[in-house]
Amino acid sequence: MAMSQPHESLNARPTWRDFVGLCKLNVVAVMVLTLVVGVCLAVPGVPPLDTLIIASLGVGLASSSAAAINHVLDRNIDHKMARTAGRPFPQSRMTPQAALTFAAVIGVLGIGMLAIWVNLLTAWLTLFALIGYAVIYTAVLKRATPQNIVIGGVAGAAPPLLGWTAVTDSVGGQGLLLMLIIFAWTPPHFWALCIARKDDYARAGIPMLPNTHGLAYTRLQIFLYTLIMIVVTLLPFVTGGSGLIYLIGVTILNVRFLYWAARLMFIRDMADSMRMFKYSIYYIMALFVVLLVDHYWRIMA
């Protein structure tokens, strides 16, 4: 498949759809879902509705700002990859200046909302997560080490902790545990995509694990990290933060995740990598929904 090439001038003026495209709203939606669960789990009953709404909007805007900066920093490699060739920059519909201005406006707006109407702790942690993803991961780690997604995963794992701090104004153990779940989930989730898009990353010159260490090593790492993830996801039950409904639900989800990791490692059908990647997205959303259901079931019981 021929990749589109970068151009010096725009093919057309950017539309509102191009600015929305910078935000990676499908990723932001998952992040906001985990934040909402963090808000709800931080209180024994119904959380303050204003805090829930403002925290969701503030973190959502900050996450969209980080995504827009990611587009700018990756604009010279996105045109080389089939997965990203349709983005505004490879299609020459956006300038770096316009995207950075947009990112600055929504980023300041989002973090300002958190600082004024939620609390300063949540605002600062959100700013650190934005810098961690948009600058440290995208500009440095992504191009420097095949462990980029492991180290940089801290920033992407922050939303449920931000939900927790939005209500409590403190970093609690259960809030950190919610963050740890996403941190442990990220490597097998993303490396499955890296296997499916191995040639894309090779063309772009990004040192992802399948290209630097080979497919067999990557499959082994996915399997091992899946086992780590399973252990981590059991900790809410072990520590008393969740009950039997969560234990049953997460066990079912984990069995299916382990099934895909095992298929990827032992059967080695390349098509399974994208199947596992797609399942991993449903997995993390379902896990947090089950956490929420379990939380309110125990309250009403």
C-alpha atoms as a PDB file:
ATOM      1  CA  MET A   1       0.000   0.000   0.000  1.00  0.00           C
ATOM      2  CA  ALA A   2       1.450   3.355  -1.026  1.00  0.00           C
ATOM      3  CA  MET A   3       1.740   5.834   1.770  1.00  0.00           C
ATOM      4  CA  SER A   4       0.834   9.473   1.281  1.00  0.00           C
ATOM      5  CA  GLN A   5       3.788  11.834   1.468  1.00  0.00           C
ATOM      6  CA  PRO A   6       4.090  14.952   3.610  1.00  0.00           C
ATOM      7  CA  HIS A   7       3.579  18.270   1.838  1.00  0.00           C
ATOM      8  CA  GLU A   8       4.776  21.757   2.572  1.00  0.00           C
ATOM      9  CA  SER A   9       1.388  23.353   1.940  1.00  0.00           C
ATOM     10  CA  LEU A  10      -2.166  22.422   2.830  1.00  0.00           C
ATOM     11  CA  ASN A  11      -4.410  20.609   0.373  1.00  0.00           C
ATOM     12  CA  ALA A  12      -7.398  22.297   2.025  1.00  0.00           C
ATOM     13  CA  ARG A  13      -8.234  24.405   5.031  1.00  0.00           C
ATOM     14  CA  PRO A  14      -8.758  22.289   8.170  1.00  0.00           C
ATOM     15  CA  THR A  15     -12.368  21.734   9.151  1.00  0.00           C
ATOM     16  CA  TRP A  16     -13.852  21.118  12.585  1.00  0.00           C
ATOM     17  CA  ARG A  17     -13.691  17.409  11.792  1.00  0.00           C
ATOM     18  CA  ASP A  18      -9.916  17.665  11.423  1.00  0.00           C
ATOM     19  CA  PHE A  19      -9.601  19.290  14.845  1.00  0.00           C
ATOM     20  CA  VAL A  20     -11.842  16.604  16.338  1.00  0.00           C
ATOM     21  CA  GLY A  21      -9.640  14.025  14.604  1.00  0.00           C
ATOM     22  CA  LEU A  22      -6.634  15.361  16.510  1.00  0.00           C
ATOM     23  CA  CYS A  23      -8.312  14.449  19.813  1.00  0.00           C
ATOM     24  CA  LYS A  24      -8.381  10.643  19.378  1.00  0.00           C
ATOM     25  CA  LEU A  25     -11.853  10.612  20.915  1.00  0.00           C
ATOM     26  CA  ASN A  26     -12.132   6.811  20.928  1.00  0.00           C
ATOM     27  CA  VAL A  27      -9.087   6.617  23.220  1.00  0.00           C
ATOM     28  CA  VAL A  28     -10.250   9.580  25.318  1.00  0.00           C
ATOM     29  CA  ALA A  29     -13.668   7.942  25.781  1.00  0.00           C
ATOM     30  CA  VAL A  30     -12.069   4.865  27.352  1.00  0.00           C
ATOM     31  CA  MET A  31      -9.954   7.086  29.591  1.00  0.00           C
ATOM     32  CA  VAL A  32     -12.990   9.057  30.746  1.00  0.00           C
ATOM     33  CA  LEU A  33     -14.845   5.812  31.478  1.00  0.00           C
ATOM     34  CA  THR A  34     -12.050   4.687  33.797  1.00  0.00           C
ATOM     35  CA  LEU A  35     -12.024   8.146  35.395  1.00  0.00           C
ATOM     36  CA  VAL A  36     -15.763   7.974  36.076  1.00  0.00           C
ATOM     37  CA  VAL A  37     -15.296   4.604  37.756  1.00  0.00           C
ATOM     38  CA  GLY A  38     -12.475   6.070  39.846  1.00  0.00           C
ATOM     39  CA  VAL A  39     -14.800   8.888  40.952  1.00  0.00           C
ATOM     40  CA  CYS A  40     -17.577   6.492  41.883  1.00  0.00           C
ATOM     41  CA  LEU A  41     -15.350   4.019  43.738  1.00  0.00           C
ATOM     42  CA  ALA A  42     -13.870   6.822  45.853  1.00  0.00           C
ATOM     43  CA  VAL A  43     -17.132   7.415  47.728  1.00  0.00           C
ATOM     44  CA  PRO A  44     -19.500   4.990  49.494  1.00  0.00           C
ATOM     45  CA  GLY A  45     -22.576   6.349  47.698  1.00  0.00           C
ATOM     46  CA  VAL A  46     -23.391   8.593  44.757  1.00  0.00           C
ATOM     47  CA  PRO A  47     -20.498  10.976  43.989  1.00  0.00           C
ATOM     48  CA  PRO A  48     -21.060  14.733  43.663  1.00  0.00           C
ATOM     49  CA  LEU A  49     -22.499  15.225  40.191  1.00  0.00           C
ATOM     50  CA  ASP A  50     -20.703  18.526  39.598  1.00  0.00           C
ATOM     51  CA  THR A  51     -17.331  16.981  40.450  1.00  0.00           C
ATOM     52  CA  LEU A  52     -18.040  14.017  38.180  1.00  0.00           C
ATOM     53  CA  ILE A  53     -18.961  16.218  35.217  1.00  0.00           C
ATOM     54  CA  ILE A  54     -16.182  18.784  35.626  1.00  0.00           C
ATOM     55  CA  ALA A  55     -13.505  16.132  36.244  1.00  0.00           C
ATOM     56  CA  SER A  56     -14.632  14.220  33.154  1.00  0.00           C
ATOM     57  CA  LEU A  57     -14.615  17.348  30.987  1.00  0.00           C
ATOM     58  CA  GLY A  58     -11.316  18.629  32.383  1.00  0.00           C
ATOM     59  CA  VAL A  59      -9.412  15.372  32.005  1.00  0.00           C
ATOM     60  CA  GLY A  60     -11.078  14.732  28.650  1.00  0.00           C
ATOM     61  CA  LEU A  61      -9.909  18.116  27.323  1.00  0.00           C
ATOM     62  CA  ALA A  62      -6.390  17.610  28.707  1.00  0.00           C
ATOM     63  CA  SER A  63      -6.228  14.127  27.163  1.00  0.00           C
ATOM     64  CA  SER A  64      -7.393  15.543  23.826  1.00  0.00           C
ATOM     65  CA  SER A  65      -4.693  18.210  24.096  1.00  0.00           C
ATOM     66  CA  ALA A  66      -2.044  15.529  24.644  1.00  0.00           C
ATOM     67  CA  ALA A  67      -3.379  13.617  21.634  1.00  0.00           C
ATOM     68  CA  ALA A  68      -3.169  16.724  19.436  1.00  0.00           C
ATOM     69  CA  ILE A  69       0.444  17.314  20.493  1.00  0.00           C
ATOM     70  CA  ASN A  70       1.122  13.649  19.711  1.00  0.00           C
ATOM     71  CA  HIS A  71      -0.164  14.257  16.164  1.00  0.00           C
ATOM     72  CA  VAL A  72       2.204  17.199  15.736  1.00  0.00           C
ATOM     73  CA  LEU A  73       5.266  15.365  17.031  1.00  0.00           C
ATOM     74  CA  ASP A  74       4.481  12.244  14.967  1.00  0.00           C
ATOM     75  CA  ARG A  75       3.550  14.075  11.760  1.00  0.00           C
ATOM     76  CA  ASN A  76       6.779  13.038   9.985  1.00  0.00           C
ATOM     77  CA  ILE A  77       6.236   9.332  10.646  1.00  0.00           C
ATOM     78  CA  ASP A  78       2.443   9.078  10.382  1.00  0.00           C
ATOM     79  CA  HIS A  79       2.531   9.342   6.586  1.00  0.00           C
ATOM     80  CA  LYS A  80       4.692   6.194   6.480  1.00  0.00           C
ATOM     81  CA  MET A  81       2.158   4.010   8.289  1.00  0.00           C
ATOM     82  CA  ALA A  82      -1.075   2.617   6.859  1.00  0.00           C
ATOM     83  CA  ARG A  83      -2.710   2.876  10.297  1.00  0.00           C
ATOM     84  CA  THR A  84      -2.139   6.631  10.512  1.00  0.00           C
ATOM     85  CA  ALA A  85      -2.034   7.729   6.864  1.00  0.00           C
ATOM     86  CA  GLY A  86      -5.580   9.096   7.058  1.00  0.00           C
ATOM     87  CA  ARG A  87      -4.815  11.545   9.867  1.00  0.00           C
ATOM     88  CA  PRO A  88      -4.952  15.305   9.227  1.00  0.00           C
ATOM     89  CA  PHE A  89      -1.180  15.821   8.883  1.00  0.00           C
ATOM     90  CA  PRO A  90      -0.464  13.001   6.385  1.00  0.00           C
ATOM     91  CA  GLN A  91      -3.439  14.267   4.373  1.00  0.00           C
ATOM     92  CA  SER A  92      -1.994  17.810   4.474  1.00  0.00           C
ATOM     93  CA  ARG A  93      -5.108  19.294   6.063  1.00  0.00           C
ATOM     94  CA  MET A  94      -3.431  20.730   9.157  1.00  0.00           C
ATOM     95  CA  THR A  95      -0.465  22.912  10.098  1.00  0.00           C
ATOM     96  CA  PRO A  96       1.620  22.384  13.259  1.00  0.00           C
ATOM     97  CA  GLN A  97       0.804  25.937  14.345  1.00  0.00           C
ATOM     98  CA  ALA A  98      -2.952  25.370  14.118  1.00  0.00           C
ATOM     99  CA  ALA A  99      -2.766  22.040  15.937  1.00  0.00           C
ATOM    100  CA  LEU A 100      -0.539  23.375  18.726  1.00  0.00           C
ATOM    101  CA  THR A 101      -2.776  26.409  19.209  1.00  0.00           C
ATOM    102  CA  PHE A 102      -5.771  24.107  19.466  1.00  0.00           C
ATOM    103  CA  ALA A 103      -3.911  21.845  21.901  1.00  0.00           C
ATOM    104  CA  ALA A 104      -2.886  24.804  24.058  1.00  0.00           C
ATOM    105  CA  VAL A 105      -6.411  26.205  24.238  1.00  0.00           C
ATOM    106  CA  ILE A 106      -8.161  22.976  25.205  1.00  0.00           C
ATOM    107  CA  GLY A 107      -5.293  21.926  27.497  1.00  0.00           C
ATOM    108  CA  VAL A 108      -5.328  25.177  29.463  1.00  0.00           C
ATOM    109  CA  LEU A 109      -9.124  25.074  29.566  1.00  0.00           C
ATOM    110  CA  GLY A 110      -9.203  21.496  30.865  1.00  0.00           C
ATOM    111  CA  ILE A 111      -6.531  21.890  33.524  1.00  0.00           C
ATOM    112  CA  GLY A 112      -7.941  25.279  34.514  1.00  0.00           C
ATOM    113  CA  MET A 113     -11.354  23.703  35.105  1.00  0.00           C
ATOM    114  CA  LEU A 114      -9.767  21.091  37.341  1.00  0.00           C
ATOM    115  CA  ALA A 115      -7.746  23.670  39.294  1.00  0.00           C
ATOM    116  CA  ILE A 116     -10.686  26.026  39.857  1.00  0.00           C
ATOM    117  CA  TRP A 117     -13.618  23.672  40.351  1.00  0.00           C
ATOM    118  CA  VAL A 118     -12.129  20.324  41.417  1.00  0.00           C
ATOM    119  CA  ASN A 119      -8.808  20.571  43.288  1.00  0.00           C
ATOM    120  CA  LEU A 120      -5.184  21.457  42.661  1.00  0.00           C
ATOM    121  CA  LEU A 121      -3.921  17.900  43.209  1.00  0.00           C
ATOM    122  CA  THR A 122      -6.021  16.586  40.324  1.00  0.00           C
ATOM    123  CA  ALA A 123      -4.987  19.527  38.134  1.00  0.00           C
ATOM    124  CA  TRP A 124      -1.275  18.965  38.782  1.00  0.00           C
ATOM    125  CA  LEU A 125      -1.486  15.202  38.255  1.00  0.00           C
ATOM    126  CA  THR A 126      -3.374  15.766  34.994  1.00  0.00           C
ATOM    127  CA  LEU A 127      -0.702  18.203  33.817  1.00  0.00           C
ATOM    128  CA  PHE A 128       2.039  15.679  34.655  1.00  0.00           C
ATOM    129  CA  ALA A 129       0.144  12.972  32.738  1.00  0.00           C
ATOM    130  CA  LEU A 130      -0.248  15.301  29.739  1.00  0.00           C
ATOM    131  CA  ILE A 131       3.482  16.065  29.705  1.00  0.00           C
ATOM    132  CA  GLY A 132       4.298  12.402  30.280  1.00  0.00           C
ATOM    133  CA  TYR A 133       2.350  11.245  27.235  1.00  0.00           C
ATOM    134  CA  ALA A 134       2.758  14.158  24.839  1.00  0.00           C
ATOM    135  CA  VAL A 135       6.407  14.930  25.513  1.00  0.00           C
ATOM    136  CA  ILE A 136       8.244  12.222  27.469  1.00  0.00           C
ATOM    137  CA  TYR A 137       6.608   9.253  25.703  1.00  0.00           C
ATOM    138  CA  THR A 138       6.011  10.656  22.216  1.00  0.00           C
ATOM    139  CA  ALA A 139       9.090  12.830  21.769  1.00  0.00           C
ATOM    140  CA  VAL A 140      11.639  10.751  23.707  1.00  0.00           C
ATOM    141  CA  LEU A 141      10.736   7.204  24.734  1.00  0.00           C
ATOM    142  CA  LYS A 142       8.851   6.207  21.580  1.00  0.00           C
ATOM    143  CA  ARG A 143      11.948   6.784  19.487  1.00  0.00           C
ATOM    144  CA  ALA A 144      14.553   5.692  22.040  1.00  0.00           C
ATOM    145  CA  THR A 145      13.627   2.263  23.419  1.00  0.00           C
ATOM    146  CA  PRO A 146      11.407  -0.742  22.642  1.00  0.00           C
ATOM    147  CA  GLN A 147      10.278  -0.530  26.281  1.00  0.00           C
ATOM    148  CA  ASN A 148       8.635   2.802  25.442  1.00  0.00           C
ATOM    149  CA  ILE A 149       5.115   1.582  26.094  1.00  0.00           C
ATOM    150  CA  VAL A 150       6.039   0.091  29.477  1.00  0.00           C
ATOM    151  CA  ILE A 151       7.756   3.218  30.789  1.00  0.00           C
ATOM    152  CA  GLY A 152       5.361   5.644  29.126  1.00  0.00           C
ATOM    153  CA  GLY A 153       2.344   3.640  30.230  1.00  0.00           C
ATOM    154  CA  VAL A 154       2.272   5.490  33.554  1.00  0.00           C
ATOM    155  CA  ALA A 155       0.768   8.570  31.903  1.00  0.00           C
ATOM    156  CA  GLY A 156      -1.926   6.613  30.094  1.00  0.00           C
ATOM    157  CA  ALA A 157      -2.837   4.754  33.282  1.00  0.00           C
ATOM    158  CA  ALA A 158      -3.570   7.932  35.265  1.00  0.00           C
ATOM    159  CA  PRO A 159      -7.317   8.596  34.594  1.00  0.00           C
ATOM    160  CA  PRO A 160      -8.854   6.312  37.274  1.00  0.00           C
ATOM    161  CA  LEU A 161      -6.460   7.776  39.850  1.00  0.00           C
ATOM    162  CA  LEU A 162      -7.456  11.261  38.694  1.00  0.00           C
ATOM    163  CA  GLY A 163     -11.082  10.309  39.267  1.00  0.00           C
ATOM    164  CA  TRP A 164     -10.183   9.149  42.767  1.00  0.00           C
ATOM    165  CA  THR A 165      -8.281  12.330  43.612  1.00  0.00           C
ATOM    166  CA  ALA A 166     -11.048  14.509  42.155  1.00  0.00           C
ATOM    167  CA  VAL A 167     -13.342  13.349  44.970  1.00  0.00           C
ATOM    168  CA  THR A 168     -10.929  12.704  47.833  1.00  0.00           C
ATOM    169  CA  ASP A 169      -8.199  15.298  47.124  1.00  0.00           C
ATOM    170  CA  SER A 170      -5.713  12.575  48.075  1.00  0.00           C
ATOM    171  CA  VAL A 171      -3.850   9.680  46.467  1.00  0.00           C
ATOM    172  CA  GLY A 172      -5.354   6.575  48.069  1.00  0.00           C
ATOM    173  CA  GLY A 173      -4.225   2.985  47.850  1.00  0.00           C
ATOM    174  CA  GLN A 174      -7.297   1.858  45.929  1.00  0.00           C
ATOM    175  CA  GLY A 175      -6.879   4.753  43.504  1.00  0.00           C
ATOM    176  CA  LEU A 176      -3.298   3.694  42.843  1.00  0.00           C
ATOM    177  CA  LEU A 177      -4.468   0.116  42.381  1.00  0.00           C
ATOM    178  CA  LEU A 178      -6.909   1.205  39.666  1.00  0.00           C
ATOM    179  CA  MET A 179      -4.010   2.943  37.938  1.00  0.00           C
ATOM    180  CA  LEU A 180      -1.848  -0.169  38.318  1.00  0.00           C
ATOM    181  CA  ILE A 181      -4.464  -2.263  36.514  1.00  0.00           C
ATOM    182  CA  ILE A 182      -4.239  -0.099  33.390  1.00  0.00           C
ATOM    183  CA  PHE A 183      -0.446   0.067  33.679  1.00  0.00           C
ATOM    184  CA  ALA A 184      -0.233  -3.764  33.687  1.00  0.00           C
ATOM    185  CA  TRP A 185      -2.787  -4.062  30.865  1.00  0.00           C
ATOM    186  CA  THR A 186      -1.047  -1.628  28.506  1.00  0.00           C
ATOM    187  CA  PRO A 187       1.965  -3.732  27.344  1.00  0.00           C
ATOM    188  CA  PRO A 188       0.048  -6.843  26.180  1.00  0.00           C
ATOM    189  CA  HIS A 189      -2.649  -4.592  24.712  1.00  0.00           C
ATOM    190  CA  PHE A 190      -0.246  -2.463  22.684  1.00  0.00           C
ATOM    191  CA  TRP A 191       2.295  -5.134  21.763  1.00  0.00           C
ATOM    192  CA  ALA A 192      -0.487  -7.162  20.153  1.00  0.00           C
ATOM    193  CA  LEU A 193      -1.098  -4.158  17.891  1.00  0.00           C
ATOM    194  CA  CYS A 194       2.647  -3.847  17.271  1.00  0.00           C
ATOM    195  CA  ILE A 195       2.763  -7.415  15.948  1.00  0.00           C
ATOM    196  CA  ALA A 196      -0.140  -6.723  13.600  1.00  0.00           C
ATOM    197  CA  ARG A 197       1.483  -3.467  12.431  1.00  0.00           C
ATOM    198  CA  LYS A 198       5.104  -4.653  12.500  1.00  0.00           C
ATOM    199  CA  ASP A 199       5.863  -3.495   8.954  1.00  0.00           C
ATOM    200  CA  ASP A 200       4.277  -0.101   9.607  1.00  0.00           C
ATOM    201  CA  TYR A 201       6.564   0.563  12.558  1.00  0.00           C
ATOM    202  CA  ALA A 202       9.584  -0.686  10.613  1.00  0.00           C
ATOM    203  CA  ARG A 203       8.882   1.802   7.799  1.00  0.00           C
ATOM    204  CA  ALA A 204       8.492   4.588  10.345  1.00  0.00           C
ATOM    205  CA  GLY A 205      11.742   3.655  12.101  1.00  0.00           C
ATOM    206  CA  ILE A 206      10.074   3.282  15.509  1.00  0.00           C
ATOM    207  CA  PRO A 207      11.848   0.671  17.700  1.00  0.00           C
ATOM    208  CA  MET A 208       8.849  -1.394  18.717  1.00  0.00           C
ATOM    209  CA  LEU A 209       9.503  -4.758  20.331  1.00  0.00           C
ATOM    210  CA  PRO A 210       8.621  -7.014  17.349  1.00  0.00           C
ATOM    211  CA  ASN A 211      11.157  -5.179  15.183  1.00  0.00           C
ATOM    212  CA  THR A 212      13.972  -4.957  17.727  1.00  0.00           C
ATOM    213  CA  HIS A 213      13.649  -8.359  19.440  1.00  0.00           C
ATOM    214  CA  GLY A 214      11.583 -10.457  17.042  1.00  0.00           C
ATOM    215  CA  LEU A 215       8.084 -11.913  17.062  1.00  0.00           C
ATOM    216  CA  ALA A 216       8.857 -14.898  19.305  1.00  0.00           C
ATOM    217  CA  TYR A 217      10.251 -12.671  22.057  1.00  0.00           C
ATOM    218  CA  THR A 218       7.304 -10.274  21.754  1.00  0.00           C
ATOM    219  CA  ARG A 219       4.793 -13.112  22.018  1.00  0.00           C
ATOM    220  CA  LEU A 220       6.562 -14.358  25.145  1.00  0.00           C
ATOM    221  CA  GLN A 221       6.475 -10.880  26.679  1.00  0.00           C
ATOM    222  CA  ILE A 222       2.766 -10.563  25.900  1.00  0.00           C
ATOM    223  CA  PHE A 223       2.107 -13.886  27.606  1.00  0.00           C
ATOM    224  CA  LEU A 224       4.197 -13.004  30.685  1.00  0.00           C
ATOM    225  CA  TYR A 225       2.683  -9.535  31.018  1.00  0.00           C
ATOM    226  CA  THR A 226      -0.757 -11.095  30.680  1.00  0.00           C
ATOM    227  CA  LEU A 227       0.017 -13.267  33.709  1.00  0.00           C
ATOM    228  CA  ILE A 228       1.186 -10.184  35.616  1.00  0.00           C
ATOM    229  CA  MET A 229      -1.964  -8.347  34.591  1.00  0.00           C
ATOM    230  CA  ILE A 230      -4.163 -11.197  35.825  1.00  0.00           C
ATOM    231  CA  VAL A 231      -2.493 -11.105  39.233  1.00  0.00           C
ATOM    232  CA  VAL A 232      -2.861  -7.321  39.424  1.00  0.00           C
ATOM    233  CA  THR A 233      -6.538  -7.411  38.473  1.00  0.00           C
ATOM    234  CA  LEU A 234      -7.226  -9.785  41.375  1.00  0.00           C
ATOM    235  CA  LEU A 235      -5.829  -7.305  43.900  1.00  0.00           C
ATOM    236  CA  PRO A 236      -9.032  -5.244  44.303  1.00  0.00           C
ATOM    237  CA  PHE A 237     -10.749  -8.389  45.606  1.00  0.00           C
ATOM    238  CA  VAL A 238      -7.771  -9.514  47.685  1.00  0.00           C
ATOM    239  CA  THR A 239      -7.481  -6.105  49.370  1.00  0.00           C
ATOM    240  CA  GLY A 240     -11.210  -5.842  50.055  1.00  0.00           C
ATOM    241  CA  GLY A 241     -11.816  -3.072  47.556  1.00  0.00           C
ATOM    242  CA  SER A 242     -14.264  -5.197  45.567  1.00  0.00           C
ATOM    243  CA  GLY A 243     -16.488  -8.207  46.117  1.00  0.00           C
ATOM    244  CA  LEU A 244     -17.626 -11.477  44.597  1.00  0.00           C
ATOM    245  CA  ILE A 245     -19.296  -9.965  41.536  1.00  0.00           C
ATOM    246  CA  TYR A 246     -16.010  -8.381  40.523  1.00  0.00           C
ATOM    247  CA  LEU A 247     -14.083 -11.593  41.180  1.00  0.00           C
ATOM    248  CA  ILE A 248     -16.407 -13.616  38.960  1.00  0.00           C
ATOM    249  CA  GLY A 249     -16.485 -10.977  36.225  1.00  0.00           C
ATOM    250  CA  VAL A 250     -12.762 -10.364  36.099  1.00  0.00           C
ATOM    251  CA  THR A 251     -12.033 -14.101  36.126  1.00  0.00           C
ATOM    252  CA  ILE A 252     -14.197 -14.586  33.030  1.00  0.00           C
ATOM    253  CA  LEU A 253     -12.506 -11.637  31.326  1.00  0.00           C
ATOM    254  CA  ASN A 254      -9.039 -12.877  32.289  1.00  0.00           C
ATOM    255  CA  VAL A 255      -9.644 -16.396  31.000  1.00  0.00           C
ATOM    256  CA  ARG A 256     -10.485 -14.966  27.582  1.00  0.00           C
ATOM    257  CA  PHE A 257      -7.482 -12.614  27.637  1.00  0.00           C
ATOM    258  CA  LEU A 258      -5.185 -15.512  28.553  1.00  0.00           C
ATOM    259  CA  TYR A 259      -6.727 -17.564  25.741  1.00  0.00           C
ATOM    260  CA  TRP A 260      -5.700 -14.949  23.178  1.00  0.00           C
ATOM    261  CA  ALA A 261      -2.229 -14.559  24.693  1.00  0.00           C
ATOM    262  CA  ALA A 262      -1.735 -18.339  24.580  1.00  0.00           C
ATOM    263  CA  ARG A 263      -2.950 -18.557  20.973  1.00  0.00           C
ATOM    264  CA  LEU A 264      -0.591 -15.771  20.018  1.00  0.00           C
ATOM    265  CA  MET A 265       2.336 -17.526  21.672  1.00  0.00           C
ATOM    266  CA  PHE A 266       1.743 -21.154  20.710  1.00  0.00           C
ATOM    267  CA  ILE A 267      -0.363 -21.149  17.520  1.00  0.00           C
ATOM    268  CA  ARG A 268       1.285 -18.058  16.049  1.00  0.00           C
ATOM    269  CA  ASP A 269      -1.464 -17.055  13.656  1.00  0.00           C
ATOM    270  CA  MET A 270      -0.636 -13.445  12.717  1.00  0.00           C
ATOM    271  CA  ALA A 271      -4.345 -12.616  12.487  1.00  0.00           C
ATOM    272  CA  ASP A 272      -4.705 -13.391  16.200  1.00  0.00           C
ATOM    273  CA  SER A 273      -2.655 -10.332  17.136  1.00  0.00           C
ATOM    274  CA  MET A 274      -5.324  -7.931  15.885  1.00  0.00           C
ATOM    275  CA  ARG A 275      -8.065 -10.099  17.399  1.00  0.00           C
ATOM    276  CA  MET A 276      -6.309  -9.912  20.750  1.00  0.00           C
ATOM    277  CA  PHE A 277      -5.824  -6.159  20.414  1.00  0.00           C
ATOM    278  CA  LYS A 278      -9.531  -5.615  19.739  1.00  0.00           C
ATOM    279  CA  TYR A 279     -10.527  -7.878  22.624  1.00  0.00           C
ATOM    280  CA  SER A 280      -8.160  -6.022  24.962  1.00  0.00           C
ATOM    281  CA  ILE A 281     -10.101  -2.793  24.360  1.00  0.00           C
ATOM    282  CA  TYR A 282     -13.401  -4.462  25.261  1.00  0.00           C
ATOM    283  CA  TYR A 283     -11.629  -6.123  28.180  1.00  0.00           C
ATOM    284  CA  ILE A 284     -10.522  -2.936  29.926  1.00  0.00           C
ATOM    285  CA  MET A 285     -13.895  -1.256  29.448  1.00  0.00           C
ATOM    286  CA  ALA A 286     -15.749  -4.329  30.730  1.00  0.00           C
ATOM    287  CA  LEU A 287     -13.412  -4.671  33.719  1.00  0.00           C
ATOM    288  CA  PHE A 288     -14.122  -1.140  34.904  1.00  0.00           C
ATOM    289  CA  VAL A 289     -17.848  -1.561  34.321  1.00  0.00           C
ATOM    290  CA  VAL A 290     -17.780  -4.722  36.442  1.00  0.00           C
ATOM    291  CA  LEU A 291     -15.905  -2.812  39.152  1.00  0.00           C
ATOM    292  CA  LEU A 292     -18.666  -0.206  39.121  1.00  0.00           C
ATOM    293  CA  VAL A 293     -21.486  -2.769  39.219  1.00  0.00           C
ATOM    294  CA  ASP A 294     -19.807  -4.613  42.078  1.00  0.00           C
ATOM    295  CA  HIS A 295     -19.335  -1.361  44.013  1.00  0.00           C
ATOM    296  CA  TYR A 296     -22.994  -0.360  43.906  1.00  0.00           C
ATOM    297  CA  TRP A 297     -24.245  -3.917  44.390  1.00  0.00           C
ATOM    298  CA  ARG A 298     -22.338  -4.101  47.666  1.00  0.00           C
ATOM    299  CA  ILE A 299     -23.750  -0.735  48.728  1.00  0.00           C
ATOM    300  CA  MET A 300     -27.325  -1.828  48.075  1.00  0.00           C
ATOM    301  CA  ALA A 301     -26.903  -5.332  49.525  1.00  0.00           C
END
